[in-house]
Protein backbone atom coordinates (compact mmCIF):
# COMPACT_ATOMS: atom_id res chain seq x y z
CA MET A 1 100.60 111.90 104.87
CA ARG A 2 101.24 111.28 101.18
CA ARG A 3 98.26 111.13 98.88
CA GLY A 4 96.87 107.63 98.55
CA ALA A 5 98.90 106.31 101.47
CA ILE A 6 97.73 105.01 104.81
CA VAL A 7 99.77 105.66 107.94
CA PHE A 8 99.71 103.14 110.77
CA SER A 9 101.65 103.69 113.99
CA LEU A 10 102.60 100.31 115.39
CA VAL A 11 103.27 101.12 119.05
CA VAL A 12 100.54 103.73 119.44
CA ALA A 13 97.95 101.55 117.74
CA CYS A 14 98.57 98.46 119.80
CA GLY A 15 99.74 100.00 123.04
CA GLY A 16 102.83 97.84 122.69
CA ASP A 17 105.39 97.31 125.42
CA THR A 18 108.58 99.12 124.46
CA ARG A 19 110.70 97.20 126.96
CA ARG A 20 112.81 94.36 125.67
CA ALA A 21 113.29 91.13 127.55
CA SER A 22 116.54 91.32 129.49
CA LEU A 23 119.65 90.56 127.47
CA PRO A 24 123.19 89.90 128.71
CA GLU A 25 124.97 93.04 129.88
CA PRO A 26 127.91 93.95 127.60
CA MET A 27 131.38 93.61 129.14
CA GLU A 28 134.05 96.30 129.11
CA PRO A 29 135.90 96.15 125.76
CA SER A 30 139.38 94.64 125.73
CA SER A 31 142.27 95.93 123.62
CA ALA A 32 141.40 93.26 121.05
CA ASP A 33 137.81 94.52 120.97
CA THR A 34 139.03 98.09 120.44
CA GLU A 35 141.39 97.00 117.66
CA LEU A 36 138.55 95.15 115.94
CA ALA A 37 136.27 98.19 116.18
CA THR A 38 138.92 100.37 114.53
CA LYS A 39 139.36 97.91 111.69
CA ILE A 40 135.60 97.65 111.25
CA GLU A 41 135.33 101.43 110.89
CA GLY A 42 137.92 101.38 108.12
CA PHE A 43 136.20 98.50 106.39
CA VAL A 44 132.79 100.17 106.56
CA ALA A 45 134.12 103.40 105.05
CA GLY A 46 135.48 101.53 102.04
CA HIS A 47 132.36 99.42 101.76
CA LEU A 48 130.06 102.43 101.58
CA ALA A 49 132.34 104.27 99.16
CA PHE A 50 131.71 101.51 96.60
CA ARG A 51 128.01 101.36 97.56
CA PRO A 52 126.78 104.95 98.05
CA ASN A 53 123.16 103.89 97.64
CA LEU A 54 123.51 101.51 100.59
CA ALA A 55 124.66 104.47 102.68
CA ILE A 56 121.65 106.51 101.63
CA ASP A 57 119.26 103.61 102.25
CA ILE A 58 120.51 103.08 105.80
CA GLY A 59 120.36 106.78 106.63
CA LEU A 60 124.00 107.89 106.31
CA HIS A 61 123.54 110.89 104.07
CA GLU A 62 127.16 111.91 103.57
CA ASN A 63 126.91 110.00 100.27
CA ASP A 64 123.78 111.77 99.02
CA GLY A 65 124.08 112.65 95.35
CA LYS A 66 126.79 110.10 94.65
CA VAL A 67 126.50 107.40 92.00
CA PRO A 68 128.45 104.13 92.13
CA ASP A 69 131.44 103.58 89.87
CA ARG A 70 131.02 100.27 88.06
CA SER A 71 133.95 100.49 85.70
CA ALA A 72 136.09 97.39 85.28
CA ALA A 73 138.85 99.06 87.30
CA ALA A 74 136.50 99.93 90.17
CA ILE A 75 135.10 96.40 90.33
CA ALA A 76 138.60 94.88 90.31
CA ALA A 77 139.70 97.28 93.06
CA GLU A 78 136.69 96.36 95.19
CA ILE A 79 137.40 92.65 94.83
CA ALA A 80 140.99 93.28 95.91
CA ARG A 81 139.80 95.37 98.89
CA LEU A 82 137.43 92.61 99.99
CA GLU A 83 140.11 89.93 99.67
CA ALA A 84 142.49 92.00 101.79
CA ALA A 85 139.77 92.65 104.37
CA GLN A 86 138.99 88.95 104.55
CA ARG A 87 142.63 88.19 105.38
CA THR A 88 142.63 90.96 108.00
CA PHE A 89 139.52 89.81 109.87
CA GLU A 90 140.33 86.11 109.62
CA ALA A 91 143.70 86.85 111.25
CA ILE A 92 142.02 88.29 114.37
CA ASP A 93 141.95 85.66 117.11
CA PRO A 94 138.29 85.17 118.13
CA ALA A 95 139.38 83.78 121.50
CA LYS A 96 140.54 87.28 122.51
CA LEU A 97 137.23 88.96 121.70
CA GLY A 98 134.26 89.65 123.92
CA HIS A 99 130.84 88.31 123.03
CA GLU A 100 129.66 91.39 121.11
CA SER A 101 132.91 91.75 119.19
CA LEU A 102 132.87 88.07 118.34
CA VAL A 103 129.46 88.50 116.71
CA ASP A 104 130.60 91.60 114.85
CA ARG A 105 133.67 89.83 113.46
CA GLU A 106 131.44 87.03 112.18
CA VAL A 107 129.01 89.52 110.63
CA VAL A 108 131.78 91.41 108.83
CA LEU A 109 133.32 88.20 107.51
CA ALA A 110 129.91 87.05 106.32
CA GLU A 111 129.41 90.32 104.45
CA ILE A 112 132.86 90.04 102.87
CA ARG A 113 132.26 86.46 101.72
CA LYS A 114 128.83 87.35 100.38
CA GLU A 115 130.11 90.30 98.36
CA LEU A 116 133.12 88.39 97.06
CA TYR A 117 130.77 85.68 95.89
CA GLN A 118 128.53 88.17 94.10
CA LEU A 119 131.39 90.07 92.45
CA ALA A 120 134.10 87.48 91.85
CA VAL A 121 132.30 84.12 91.64
CA ARG A 122 128.81 84.78 90.36
CA ARG A 123 130.14 87.88 88.55
CA ARG A 124 126.87 89.71 88.71
CA PRO A 125 128.16 93.00 87.21
CA GLN A 126 129.07 91.06 84.07
CA ARG A 127 126.19 88.56 84.06
CA ASP A 128 123.08 90.10 85.61
CA PRO A 129 121.24 93.22 84.33
CA PHE A 130 119.14 93.17 87.51
CA TYR A 131 122.30 94.06 89.46
CA TYR A 132 122.26 97.54 87.91
CA LEU A 133 118.52 98.11 88.15
CA PHE A 134 117.72 97.29 91.76
CA GLY A 135 119.88 97.88 94.81
CA SER A 136 123.10 99.24 93.33
CA PHE A 137 121.60 102.58 92.37
CA SER A 138 118.21 104.25 92.59
CA LEU A 139 116.74 107.73 92.88
CA ASN A 140 113.89 106.39 95.00
CA PRO A 141 115.38 107.32 98.42
CA TYR A 142 115.28 111.01 97.49
CA VAL A 143 111.61 110.69 96.53
CA ALA A 144 110.23 108.23 99.06
CA ARG A 145 111.60 109.64 102.31
CA ASP A 146 111.34 113.18 103.67
CA TYR A 147 114.63 112.81 105.54
CA ALA A 148 115.61 116.41 104.70
CA PRO A 149 113.90 119.52 103.28
CA ALA A 150 112.68 119.11 99.72
CA ASP A 151 115.21 121.54 98.23
CA GLN A 152 118.10 119.67 99.87
CA ARG A 153 116.87 116.30 98.57
CA ALA A 154 116.22 117.77 95.13
CA ALA A 155 119.75 119.17 94.97
CA ALA A 156 121.18 115.78 95.93
CA MET A 157 118.98 114.04 93.38
CA LEU A 158 120.14 116.49 90.71
CA ARG A 159 123.77 115.61 91.44
CA ALA A 160 122.93 111.92 91.19
CA CYS A 161 120.87 112.46 88.05
CA GLU A 162 123.72 114.29 86.35
CA ALA A 163 126.18 111.49 87.17
CA ALA A 164 123.82 108.58 86.44
CA PRO A 165 124.26 108.40 82.63
CA ALA A 166 127.85 107.26 83.15
CA TYR A 167 126.58 104.50 85.45
CA TYR A 168 124.18 103.12 82.83
CA GLN A 169 126.88 103.39 80.18
CA GLN A 170 129.19 101.37 82.43
CA ALA A 171 126.42 98.81 82.88
CA ALA A 172 126.03 98.41 79.13
CA THR A 173 129.80 98.02 78.78
CA GLN A 174 130.28 95.59 81.66
CA LEU A 175 127.51 93.15 80.75
CA GLU A 176 128.71 90.31 78.57
CA PRO A 177 127.40 89.92 75.00
CA ALA A 178 125.78 86.52 75.67
CA LEU A 179 123.52 86.54 78.74
CA PRO A 180 120.79 84.16 79.94
CA GLN A 181 117.56 84.91 78.13
CA VAL A 182 115.53 85.07 81.33
CA SER A 183 117.99 87.59 82.81
CA LEU A 184 117.54 89.79 79.76
CA GLN A 185 113.76 89.48 79.98
CA VAL A 186 113.81 90.56 83.62
CA GLY A 187 116.25 93.35 82.78
CA LEU A 188 114.01 94.65 80.01
CA MET A 189 110.98 94.63 82.30
CA MET A 190 112.86 96.29 85.16
CA SER A 191 114.53 98.94 82.99
CA GLY A 192 111.10 99.90 81.67
CA GLY A 193 109.89 100.26 85.25
CA VAL A 194 112.89 102.40 86.22
CA ALA A 195 112.39 104.66 83.19
CA ASP A 196 108.70 105.03 84.08
CA PHE A 197 109.65 105.93 87.65
CA VAL A 198 112.14 108.58 86.50
CA LYS A 199 109.62 110.12 84.09
CA GLY A 200 106.74 109.78 86.56
CA ASP A 201 107.12 109.68 90.34
CA ALA A 202 110.60 111.22 90.39
CA LYS A 203 109.49 114.24 88.36
CA LYS A 204 106.21 114.64 90.25
CA ALA A 205 107.95 114.56 93.64
CA PHE A 206 109.60 117.93 93.07
CA ALA A 207 107.23 119.46 90.51
CA SER A 208 106.16 122.13 93.03
CA LEU A 209 109.63 123.00 94.29
CA PRO A 210 109.73 126.77 95.08
CA ASP A 211 113.24 127.16 93.63
CA ALA A 212 112.35 127.51 89.95
CA ALA A 213 115.94 127.24 88.74
CA LEU A 214 116.60 124.03 90.68
CA ARG A 215 113.23 122.64 89.63
CA GLY A 216 113.92 123.34 85.96
CA LYS A 217 117.39 121.79 86.06
CA LEU A 218 116.09 118.69 87.82
CA GLN A 219 113.14 118.18 85.47
CA ALA A 220 115.38 118.52 82.40
CA CYS A 221 117.97 116.18 83.89
CA LEU A 222 115.35 113.54 84.67
CA ASP A 223 114.12 113.70 81.08
CA ARG A 224 117.67 113.11 79.84
CA LEU A 225 118.19 110.29 82.34
CA ALA A 226 115.00 108.55 81.24
CA GLY A 227 116.38 108.64 77.72
CA GLU A 228 119.67 107.16 78.93
CA ILE A 229 117.80 104.31 80.63
CA VAL A 230 115.90 103.66 77.39
CA THR A 231 119.29 103.53 75.65
CA PHE A 232 120.44 100.96 78.22
CA GLN A 233 117.24 99.04 77.58
CA GLY A 234 118.19 99.06 73.90
CA ALA A 235 121.59 97.61 74.79
CA LEU A 236 119.79 94.75 76.53
CA LYS A 237 117.50 94.20 73.54
CA SER A 238 120.51 94.05 71.24
CA ARG A 239 121.80 91.07 73.24
CA MET A 240 118.66 88.99 72.72
CA PRO A 241 119.85 87.27 69.50
CA ALA A 242 122.89 85.94 71.38
CA ALA A 243 120.94 85.06 74.54
CA THR A 244 121.51 81.63 76.03
CA PRO A 245 118.75 79.40 77.42
CA ASP A 246 120.70 78.32 80.49
CA PHE A 247 120.42 80.41 83.66
CA ARG A 248 121.41 77.57 86.00
CA LEU A 249 124.09 77.79 88.67
CA GLY A 250 124.69 74.04 88.97
CA ALA A 251 124.72 71.93 92.13
CA GLU A 252 128.22 72.73 93.38
CA PRO A 253 127.89 76.49 92.77
CA LEU A 254 124.56 76.44 94.62
CA ILE A 255 126.20 74.83 97.64
CA ALA A 256 129.07 77.32 97.36
CA MET A 257 126.54 80.15 97.32
CA LEU A 258 124.93 78.95 100.56
CA ARG A 259 128.33 78.58 102.17
CA ALA A 260 129.58 82.00 101.05
CA THR A 261 126.46 84.09 101.54
CA GLU A 262 124.75 82.40 104.51
CA GLY A 263 127.45 80.38 106.28
CA ILE A 264 125.33 77.26 105.76
CA GLU A 265 127.03 73.93 105.01
CA MET A 266 124.54 71.50 103.50
CA ASP A 267 124.56 69.18 100.49
CA VAL A 268 121.88 68.93 97.82
CA PRO A 269 120.33 65.64 99.07
CA ARG A 270 119.84 67.16 102.53
CA LEU A 271 118.35 70.34 101.08
CA LEU A 272 115.97 68.30 98.96
CA GLU A 273 114.99 66.17 101.96
CA LEU A 274 114.18 69.28 104.01
CA ALA A 275 112.25 70.89 101.15
CA ARG A 276 110.10 67.83 100.53
CA ALA A 277 109.43 67.14 104.21
CA ASP A 278 108.23 70.66 104.96
CA TYR A 279 106.09 70.67 101.83
CA GLU A 280 104.45 67.40 102.91
CA ARG A 281 103.87 68.74 106.44
CA ASN A 282 102.11 71.85 105.15
CA HIS A 283 100.22 69.98 102.44
CA LEU A 284 98.75 67.59 105.01
CA ALA A 285 97.84 70.55 107.21
CA ILE A 286 96.01 72.40 104.42
CA GLU A 287 94.10 69.23 103.55
CA LYS A 288 92.99 68.95 107.18
CA ALA A 289 91.98 72.63 107.30
CA ALA A 290 89.90 72.16 104.14
CA ARG A 291 88.20 69.08 105.60
CA ASP A 292 87.46 71.02 108.78
CA ILE A 293 85.53 73.50 106.63
CA ASP A 294 83.67 70.91 104.58
CA PRO A 295 84.61 67.23 104.79
CA LYS A 296 82.38 66.34 101.82
CA ARG A 297 84.09 68.54 99.23
CA ASP A 298 87.44 68.09 97.54
CA VAL A 299 90.31 70.07 99.02
CA ALA A 300 91.00 72.20 95.94
CA SER A 301 87.44 73.53 95.75
CA VAL A 302 87.44 74.51 99.44
CA ILE A 303 90.77 76.30 99.03
CA ALA A 304 89.43 78.03 95.92
CA GLU A 305 86.40 79.24 97.88
CA VAL A 306 88.58 80.63 100.69
CA SER A 307 90.91 82.20 98.14
CA ALA A 308 87.98 83.92 96.41
CA ASP A 309 87.17 85.98 99.54
CA LYS A 310 89.21 89.03 98.55
CA PRO A 311 89.15 92.74 99.17
CA ALA A 312 88.44 94.85 96.11
CA ALA A 313 91.54 96.01 94.26
CA ASP A 314 91.07 99.58 95.49
CA ARG A 315 90.60 98.44 99.10
CA VAL A 316 93.66 96.22 99.57
CA LEU A 317 95.67 98.93 101.35
CA GLU A 318 92.82 99.63 103.78
CA GLU A 319 92.35 95.91 104.42
CA ALA A 320 96.05 95.44 105.16
CA THR A 321 96.03 98.37 107.59
CA ALA A 322 93.02 97.01 109.47
CA GLN A 323 94.73 93.63 109.72
CA LEU A 324 97.83 95.24 111.21
CA VAL A 325 95.74 96.56 114.09
CA GLN A 326 94.44 93.04 114.74
CA ILE A 327 97.95 91.56 114.53
CA ASN A 328 99.48 94.03 116.94
CA GLU A 329 96.71 93.63 119.49
CA LEU A 330 97.60 89.93 119.57
CA ILE A 331 101.31 90.72 119.95
CA ALA A 332 100.55 92.93 122.93
CA ASP A 333 98.09 90.50 124.51
CA LYS A 334 100.35 87.46 124.18
CA GLN A 335 103.64 89.30 124.86
CA ILE A 336 105.09 87.72 121.73
CA VAL A 337 107.95 90.14 121.15
CA SER A 338 109.08 93.48 122.50
CA LEU A 339 108.45 96.65 120.49
CA PRO A 340 111.39 98.80 121.57
CA ARG A 341 110.69 101.95 119.51
CA PRO A 342 107.64 104.07 118.60
CA ASP A 343 108.23 103.54 114.87
CA LYS A 344 105.63 103.92 112.15
CA VAL A 345 104.88 101.98 108.99
CA GLU A 346 103.10 103.33 105.94
CA VAL A 347 101.09 101.05 103.65
CA ARG A 348 101.40 102.19 100.04
CA THR A 349 101.36 101.12 96.42
CA SER A 350 104.66 99.73 95.13
CA PRO A 351 106.67 101.98 92.79
CA SER A 352 106.65 100.85 89.17
CA PHE A 353 110.13 99.30 89.38
CA MET A 354 109.26 97.22 92.48
CA ARG A 355 106.41 95.11 91.13
CA GLY A 356 108.10 91.76 90.75
CA ASN A 357 106.26 90.49 93.84
CA PHE A 358 102.86 91.27 95.38
CA ALA A 359 104.27 92.65 98.64
CA ALA A 360 107.59 94.07 99.79
CA PHE A 361 108.98 95.94 102.77
CA GLY A 362 111.08 99.08 102.66
CA GLY A 363 112.53 99.74 106.09
CA VAL A 364 113.58 103.16 107.27
CA GLY A 365 117.36 103.46 107.40
CA ALA A 366 118.93 102.00 110.52
CA PHE A 367 120.91 105.22 111.07
CA GLU A 368 118.16 107.64 110.07
CA THR A 369 117.71 110.40 112.65
CA ALA A 370 114.53 111.93 111.23
CA PRO A 371 111.27 110.32 112.47
CA LEU A 372 110.45 108.64 109.17
CA PRO A 373 108.09 105.74 108.46
CA SER A 374 108.95 102.39 106.97
CA PHE A 375 106.96 101.28 103.93
CA TYR A 376 104.80 98.21 103.43
CA TYR A 377 104.54 98.09 99.64
CA ILE A 378 101.69 96.32 97.88
CA ALA A 379 101.85 95.92 94.10
CA PRO A 380 98.65 96.21 92.06
CA PRO A 381 97.97 93.69 89.30
CA ASP A 382 99.47 94.41 85.89
CA PRO A 383 96.87 96.56 84.09
CA THR A 384 97.71 94.84 80.79
CA TRP A 385 96.42 91.51 82.13
CA PRO A 386 92.87 90.38 81.37
CA ALA A 387 90.36 91.37 84.06
CA ALA A 388 90.01 87.79 85.30
CA GLN A 389 93.77 87.44 85.72
CA GLN A 390 93.97 90.74 87.60
CA GLN A 391 91.28 89.54 90.00
CA ALA A 392 92.99 86.18 90.46
CA TYR A 393 96.26 87.95 91.32
CA LEU A 394 94.80 89.70 94.37
CA PRO A 395 95.31 87.75 97.62
CA SER A 396 92.46 86.54 99.74
CA ARG A 397 91.85 88.17 103.10
CA ALA A 398 93.28 85.06 104.75
CA ASP A 399 96.44 85.20 102.62
CA LEU A 400 96.84 88.93 103.21
CA LEU A 401 96.64 88.51 106.99
CA PHE A 402 99.84 86.47 107.03
CA ILE A 403 101.51 88.54 104.32
CA SER A 404 101.00 91.51 106.65
CA ALA A 405 102.51 89.58 109.56
CA HIS A 406 105.49 88.70 107.35
CA GLU A 407 106.17 92.17 105.99
CA VAL A 408 105.34 94.23 109.06
CA SER A 409 104.65 92.79 112.45
CA PRO A 410 106.29 90.83 113.89
CA GLY A 411 108.18 90.32 110.60
CA HIS A 412 110.52 92.67 108.76
CA PHE A 413 109.29 95.86 110.44
CA VAL A 414 109.78 94.59 113.98
CA GLN A 415 113.10 92.99 113.05
CA GLY A 416 114.27 96.38 111.78
CA MET A 417 112.94 98.06 114.90
CA HIS A 418 115.15 95.85 117.07
CA GLN A 419 118.16 96.51 114.85
CA ARG A 420 117.74 100.26 115.24
CA ALA A 421 117.11 99.99 118.97
CA GLY A 422 120.16 98.20 120.19
CA THR A 423 122.47 96.30 117.88
CA SER A 424 125.99 97.23 116.87
CA ARG A 425 126.90 99.37 113.87
CA VAL A 426 127.62 96.46 111.53
CA ARG A 427 124.57 94.52 112.68
CA ARG A 428 122.43 97.54 111.84
CA MET A 429 124.06 97.73 108.42
CA PHE A 430 124.48 94.19 107.06
CA GLU A 431 122.00 91.38 106.54
CA THR A 432 121.78 87.81 105.35
CA TYR A 433 118.93 86.40 103.30
CA THR A 434 118.00 83.48 105.56
CA SER A 435 118.05 85.68 108.67
CA SER A 436 115.82 88.30 107.11
CA GLU A 437 113.37 86.21 105.10
CA GLY A 438 113.64 83.21 107.40
CA TRP A 439 112.51 85.34 110.35
CA ALA A 440 109.65 86.92 108.41
CA HIS A 441 108.43 83.54 107.19
CA TYR A 442 108.88 81.94 110.63
CA VAL A 443 106.59 84.51 112.22
CA GLU A 444 103.70 83.56 109.91
CA GLU A 445 103.56 80.04 111.37
CA MET A 446 104.36 81.25 114.87
CA MET A 447 101.55 83.82 114.79
CA TRP A 448 99.05 81.16 113.73
CA GLU A 449 100.23 79.05 116.67
CA GLN A 450 99.72 82.05 118.96
CA GLY A 451 96.14 82.60 117.80
CA LEU A 452 96.24 84.88 114.75
CA GLY A 453 93.09 84.08 112.82
CA GLY A 454 91.27 82.90 115.94
CA GLY A 455 91.61 79.22 115.08
CA ASP A 456 89.46 79.65 111.97
CA PRO A 457 90.49 77.01 109.40
CA ARG A 458 89.99 79.63 106.68
CA ALA A 459 92.73 81.74 108.24
CA HIS A 460 94.85 78.61 108.57
CA ILE A 461 94.47 78.03 104.84
CA GLY A 462 95.79 81.56 104.29
CA GLN A 463 98.85 80.85 106.43
CA LEU A 464 99.44 77.49 104.78
CA LYS A 465 99.09 78.84 101.25
CA ASN A 466 101.90 81.26 102.05
CA ALA A 467 103.95 78.39 103.48
CA LEU A 468 103.32 76.18 100.44
CA LEU A 469 104.35 79.01 98.13
CA ARG A 470 107.72 79.17 99.95
CA ASN A 471 107.97 75.36 99.92
CA VAL A 472 107.57 75.36 96.15
CA ARG A 473 110.17 78.13 95.86
CA PHE A 474 112.58 75.83 97.69
CA LEU A 475 111.77 72.93 95.35
CA VAL A 476 111.94 75.14 92.26
CA ALA A 477 115.32 76.62 93.24
CA LEU A 478 116.73 73.11 93.62
CA GLY A 479 115.07 72.01 90.39
CA TYR A 480 116.40 74.99 88.48
CA HIS A 481 119.96 74.90 89.72
CA THR A 482 120.66 71.20 90.38
CA ASP A 483 118.43 69.63 87.72
CA GLN A 484 116.70 70.62 84.47
CA LEU A 485 113.46 72.22 85.65
CA THR A 486 112.15 74.84 83.20
CA PRO A 487 110.27 78.06 84.00
CA GLU A 488 107.19 76.52 82.38
CA ASP A 489 107.50 73.48 84.66
CA ALA A 490 107.99 75.77 87.66
CA THR A 491 104.88 77.78 86.79
CA GLY A 492 102.90 74.56 86.78
CA MET A 493 104.34 73.57 90.15
CA PHE A 494 103.25 76.84 91.74
CA ILE A 495 99.74 76.37 90.35
CA LYS A 496 99.40 72.70 91.29
CA LEU A 497 101.35 72.45 94.54
CA ALA A 498 100.91 75.94 96.01
CA PHE A 499 97.40 76.70 94.69
CA ALA A 500 98.75 79.87 93.06
CA ASP A 501 96.89 81.75 90.34
CA PRO A 502 98.56 81.79 86.89
CA GLY A 503 99.77 85.40 87.17
CA ASN A 504 101.45 84.87 90.54
CA ALA A 505 102.77 81.47 89.44
CA LYS A 506 104.47 82.93 86.38
CA GLN A 507 105.84 85.82 88.44
CA GLN A 508 107.28 83.41 91.02
CA ALA A 509 108.79 81.13 88.37
CA MET A 510 110.50 84.10 86.73
CA ARG A 511 111.79 85.37 90.07
CA GLY A 512 113.45 82.04 90.76
CA THR A 513 115.56 82.28 87.60
CA MET A 514 117.31 85.39 88.92
CA ASP A 515 117.05 84.77 92.68
CA PRO A 516 118.28 81.28 93.56
CA MET A 517 118.25 82.28 97.22
CA PHE A 518 114.47 82.40 97.29
CA LEU A 519 114.87 78.96 98.81
CA GLY A 520 116.01 80.88 101.90
CA TYR A 521 112.50 81.62 103.17
CA THR A 522 111.76 78.02 104.10
CA LEU A 523 115.37 77.13 104.89
CA GLY A 524 115.66 80.08 107.28
CA LYS A 525 112.30 79.28 108.89
CA LEU A 526 113.35 75.68 109.53
CA ILE A 527 116.64 76.80 111.11
CA ILE A 528 114.78 79.19 113.44
CA LEU A 529 112.20 76.55 114.39
CA GLU A 530 115.01 74.15 115.27
CA LEU A 531 116.82 76.88 117.22
CA ARG A 532 113.64 77.65 119.17
CA ALA A 533 113.17 74.00 120.14
CA ASP A 534 116.83 73.63 121.18
CA TRP A 535 116.83 76.94 123.10
CA GLN A 536 113.63 76.06 124.96
CA ARG A 537 115.11 72.71 126.01
CA ALA A 538 118.20 74.52 127.28
CA ASN A 539 116.20 77.31 128.98
CA PRO A 540 113.11 75.78 130.63
CA GLY A 541 110.71 78.35 132.00
CA LYS A 542 111.83 81.18 129.74
CA SER A 543 109.20 82.82 127.57
CA LEU A 544 108.69 82.94 123.84
CA ARG A 545 109.17 86.70 124.03
CA GLU A 546 112.62 86.19 125.55
CA PHE A 547 113.56 83.84 122.72
CA HIS A 548 112.38 86.29 120.08
CA ASP A 549 114.11 89.25 121.70
CA GLN A 550 117.37 87.34 121.93
CA VAL A 551 117.23 86.26 118.28
CA LEU A 552 116.51 89.83 117.20
CA SER A 553 119.32 91.23 119.34
CA TYR A 554 121.77 89.79 116.79
CA GLY A 555 120.24 91.76 113.94
CA GLU A 556 120.35 89.84 110.68
CA ALA A 557 123.59 88.01 111.40
CA PRO A 558 123.99 84.62 109.69
CA LEU A 559 121.70 82.09 111.35
CA PRO A 560 124.54 79.64 112.11
CA VAL A 561 126.25 82.49 114.00
CA ILE A 562 123.07 83.27 115.96
CA ARG A 563 122.73 79.57 116.75
CA ARG A 564 126.26 79.40 118.19
CA MET A 565 125.80 82.59 120.19
CA MET A 566 122.52 81.41 121.74
CA LEU A 567 123.39 77.74 122.34
CA GLY A 568 127.17 77.74 122.67
CA ALA A 569 130.07 76.87 120.39
CA ASP A 570 129.34 73.14 120.65
CA ALA A 571 125.75 73.52 119.38
CA GLY A 572 126.67 72.11 115.99
CA PRO A 573 125.49 73.28 112.58
CA PRO A 574 121.80 73.85 111.91
CA LEU A 575 119.55 71.12 110.53
CA ARG A 576 122.16 68.40 110.58
CA LYS A 577 120.75 64.95 110.00
CA ARG A 578 120.38 63.14 113.32
């Protein structure tokens, strides 16, 4: 156990059933299935070559020590590779494929379209500093996970450290001179966090390495790398005078983004209608919950009282762990979803470069063979904030209960458990935003329905505050990218409409400027709720557990694909107006 961390074993703690509800038996592969599998293997090899950190994250350690090439030539070559792959997989006749291969073809095409959008349409390597600071490259996997002996991980990290200066130099070269001001602000904050991580946690992780020569080389390299990151930070600062105020995608590009990255066809008026309707539904519910507590007081004061019931800052990790025990007892009692593996999750403080949100989940790699834990990260309040703002930032016990359900069980952690237990190679590797965050947000509401919180209206307020936060994200994303909403306006919306504290509200408003897909939490939830209702009508007598297991058997495939696979090709698109 790492110092300051709390280990919680999901299956052992709750006595969970490791059997999954019965799924269709796979058929013998045809020649078309075999041909597709061969082409997928070739595609995956090229995909991971451009994204070595993805390989490390998912537990394929042949790429340990490698750093991505983000030169103009490498980016152009990757776009060309993706375009060729798209033609190849689109040319494969889906009518000749078995069920499993049909899903895999759709998943690969979705990944291709998503990456082409990010590289060729949105042009993130040229327009977004965040692209270089989170996801594309990080030393954190070598530090966070004991997937190999310390000397082996240290040697791999040294190779990466030695190659990393070229990566940050490429980043400074690739980014355009005039960038959105908010993107630069986020980049400056994140680069500071990455530099702090390199100088802090990364150095500490191997400070006691027995091999003195390796230890000395690594420590010196990390010092140089921290300096290189500070130089990159300076390159971002130098762009501030030319920064532009406009970070907006625009309405048509937003729709194109949903189409390319999620396979969702929906116009702005329909998106706005869905966003407003779900906000109103949850707002009415939180008003009722507040009246159930005290019908004589105004709603805001009741919510404020519930929100003030918080664990102390130094007890949040312990509180979250205790809540996970409660959550998983309910999952076992109600047979809500299968738990097919004896995996573990560790609750810990977020690294310095991962503090853009209160909570996050870091799943163990889908191909990892070592018995490693996943991580439920919780970010402490910014120590530079005033004491009152730090206290306001902490979630209430009621909020935290449903955050824990979202991040761990039956949210991201259980979703990852199912991926590792029995999905195909590409479904273990690739994800879509609405499938991942939509599932995790869906389970918050579903768990309340199943009895989490014991019917206490205070717990319901916690669930609904989380829902309203996602509702406002949806509205803010549409306001940012199809209208003229400002970050200041968005901050006010989070405070007024989602009952957020000022620190969280500002954090959420800033996130929306760089993450237009944060509308995907509510959108994905609504698609899954509709799918559940349609599936239950088509399958009377089948259990909720069977529905959940079937959804999770498709990994994080695009939700429209999961809908077609579960309801049939004539099911129609999700959330169409009827």
